[in-house]
């Protein structure tokens, strides 16, 4: 799920969560292909479809993932009209 957290409040939230969890404070926001692959590879899921949900505020994230030769072909964009 790619979603922009608005400005400084979102970054402060991520920094606070990172301090408590020991995780990278921006990796989940930037959603780099290597980050996604680092999560999926140990689970043996690199060849499975990757469902991508976004608010379209950072289209460069989807573009980067689609451009990656390893995971790009597996990206499935969930249409905006889909709702649960």
C-alpha atoms as a PDB file:
ATOM      1  CA  UNK A   1       0.000   0.000   0.000  1.00  0.00           C
ATOM      2  CA  UNK A   2       1.546   3.259  -1.131  1.00  0.00           C
ATOM      3  CA  UNK A   3       0.154   6.247   0.661  1.00  0.00           C
ATOM      4  CA  UNK A   4       1.569   9.674   1.308  1.00  0.00           C
ATOM      5  CA  UNK A   5       1.641  10.756   4.919  1.00  0.00           C
ATOM      6  CA  UNK A   6       1.132  14.480   4.770  1.00  0.00           C
ATOM      7  CA  UNK A   7       4.281  16.534   5.419  1.00  0.00           C
ATOM      8  CA  UNK A   8       5.973  16.901   8.768  1.00  0.00           C
ATOM      9  CA  UNK A   9       3.234  15.219  10.846  1.00  0.00           C
ATOM     10  CA  UNK A  10       3.603  12.030   8.791  1.00  0.00           C
ATOM     11  CA  UNK A  11       7.385  12.094   9.015  1.00  0.00           C
ATOM     12  CA  UNK A  12       7.247  12.645  12.780  1.00  0.00           C
ATOM     13  CA  UNK A  13       4.879   9.693  13.109  1.00  0.00           C
ATOM     14  CA  UNK A  14       7.204   7.458  11.086  1.00  0.00           C
ATOM     15  CA  UNK A  15      10.248   8.580  13.103  1.00  0.00           C
ATOM     16  CA  UNK A  16       8.451   7.803  16.367  1.00  0.00           C
ATOM     17  CA  UNK A  17       7.429   4.365  15.106  1.00  0.00           C
ATOM     18  CA  UNK A  18      10.966   3.724  13.850  1.00  0.00           C
ATOM     19  CA  UNK A  19      12.456   4.523  17.250  1.00  0.00           C
ATOM     20  CA  UNK A  20      10.067   2.101  18.951  1.00  0.00           C
ATOM     21  CA  UNK A  21      10.421  -0.694  16.395  1.00  0.00           C
ATOM     22  CA  UNK A  22      13.997  -0.272  15.178  1.00  0.00           C
ATOM     23  CA  UNK A  23      12.771  -0.067  11.572  1.00  0.00           C
ATOM     24  CA  UNK A  24      13.898   2.422   8.940  1.00  0.00           C
ATOM     25  CA  UNK A  25      11.875   5.647   9.339  1.00  0.00           C
ATOM     26  CA  UNK A  26      11.242   6.220   5.612  1.00  0.00           C
ATOM     27  CA  UNK A  27      11.659   2.863   3.832  1.00  0.00           C
ATOM     28  CA  UNK A  28       7.943   2.078   4.011  1.00  0.00           C
ATOM     29  CA  UNK A  29       7.137   5.546   2.648  1.00  0.00           C
ATOM     30  CA  UNK A  30       9.615   5.351  -0.241  1.00  0.00           C
ATOM     31  CA  UNK A  31       8.769   1.742  -1.160  1.00  0.00           C
ATOM     32  CA  UNK A  32      11.979   1.201  -3.164  1.00  0.00           C
ATOM     33  CA  UNK A  33      12.098  -2.040  -5.188  1.00  0.00           C
ATOM     34  CA  UNK A  34      14.940  -3.377  -3.029  1.00  0.00           C
ATOM     35  CA  UNK A  35      12.833  -2.814   0.104  1.00  0.00           C
ATOM     36  CA  UNK A  36       9.898  -4.735  -1.389  1.00  0.00           C
ATOM     37  CA  UNK A  37      12.180  -7.550  -2.560  1.00  0.00           C
ATOM     38  CA  UNK A  38      13.851  -7.746   0.874  1.00  0.00           C
ATOM     39  CA  UNK A  39      10.426  -8.433   2.386  1.00  0.00           C
ATOM     40  CA  UNK A  40       9.178 -10.870  -0.260  1.00  0.00           C
ATOM     41  CA  UNK A  41      12.348 -12.891  -0.954  1.00  0.00           C
ATOM     42  CA  UNK A  42      12.650 -14.589   2.467  1.00  0.00           C
ATOM     43  CA  UNK A  43       8.990 -15.578   2.149  1.00  0.00           C
ATOM     44  CA  UNK A  44       9.547 -17.116  -1.285  1.00  0.00           C
ATOM     45  CA  UNK A  45       7.029 -14.710  -2.798  1.00  0.00           C
ATOM     46  CA  UNK A  46       9.038 -12.858  -5.462  1.00  0.00           C
ATOM     47  CA  UNK A  47       7.249 -14.677  -8.259  1.00  0.00           C
ATOM     48  CA  UNK A  48       3.750 -14.009  -6.888  1.00  0.00           C
ATOM     49  CA  UNK A  49       1.481 -11.096  -7.857  1.00  0.00           C
ATOM     50  CA  UNK A  50       1.994  -7.895  -5.885  1.00  0.00           C
ATOM     51  CA  UNK A  51      -1.247  -5.997  -5.338  1.00  0.00           C
ATOM     52  CA  UNK A  52      -0.568  -2.275  -5.334  1.00  0.00           C
ATOM     53  CA  UNK A  53      -2.987   0.073  -3.576  1.00  0.00           C
ATOM     54  CA  UNK A  54      -2.272   3.793  -3.784  1.00  0.00           C
ATOM     55  CA  UNK A  55      -3.714   7.245  -3.238  1.00  0.00           C
ATOM     56  CA  UNK A  56      -1.739   8.401  -6.329  1.00  0.00           C
ATOM     57  CA  UNK A  57       0.010  11.181  -4.416  1.00  0.00           C
ATOM     58  CA  UNK A  58       3.437   9.692  -5.206  1.00  0.00           C
ATOM     59  CA  UNK A  59       3.221   8.156  -8.696  1.00  0.00           C
ATOM     60  CA  UNK A  60       7.006   7.746  -8.818  1.00  0.00           C
ATOM     61  CA  UNK A  61       6.696   4.825  -6.389  1.00  0.00           C
ATOM     62  CA  UNK A  62       4.570   2.794  -8.785  1.00  0.00           C
ATOM     63  CA  UNK A  63       6.795   3.827 -11.709  1.00  0.00           C
ATOM     64  CA  UNK A  64       9.927   2.582  -9.868  1.00  0.00           C
ATOM     65  CA  UNK A  65       8.326  -0.724  -8.947  1.00  0.00           C
ATOM     66  CA  UNK A  66       7.024  -1.299 -12.472  1.00  0.00           C
ATOM     67  CA  UNK A  67      10.471  -0.507 -13.908  1.00  0.00           C
ATOM     68  CA  UNK A  68      12.169  -3.153 -11.763  1.00  0.00           C
ATOM     69  CA  UNK A  69      12.842  -6.207 -13.961  1.00  0.00           C
ATOM     70  CA  UNK A  70      12.344  -8.669 -11.119  1.00  0.00           C
ATOM     71  CA  UNK A  71       9.108  -7.499  -9.526  1.00  0.00           C
ATOM     72  CA  UNK A  72       7.694  -5.103 -12.147  1.00  0.00           C
ATOM     73  CA  UNK A  73       5.920  -7.827 -14.135  1.00  0.00           C
ATOM     74  CA  UNK A  74       4.152  -8.970 -10.946  1.00  0.00           C
ATOM     75  CA  UNK A  75       2.672  -5.580  -9.987  1.00  0.00           C
ATOM     76  CA  UNK A  76      -1.133  -5.462 -10.159  1.00  0.00           C
ATOM     77  CA  UNK A  77      -2.615  -1.997  -9.643  1.00  0.00           C
ATOM     78  CA  UNK A  78      -5.910  -2.075  -7.775  1.00  0.00           C
ATOM     79  CA  UNK A  79      -8.341   0.270  -9.578  1.00  0.00           C
ATOM     80  CA  UNK A  80      -9.503   3.383  -7.756  1.00  0.00           C
ATOM     81  CA  UNK A  81     -13.128   2.297  -8.006  1.00  0.00           C
ATOM     82  CA  UNK A  82     -12.443  -0.885  -6.037  1.00  0.00           C
ATOM     83  CA  UNK A  83     -13.519  -0.574  -2.442  1.00  0.00           C
ATOM     84  CA  UNK A  84     -14.006  -2.928   0.436  1.00  0.00           C
END
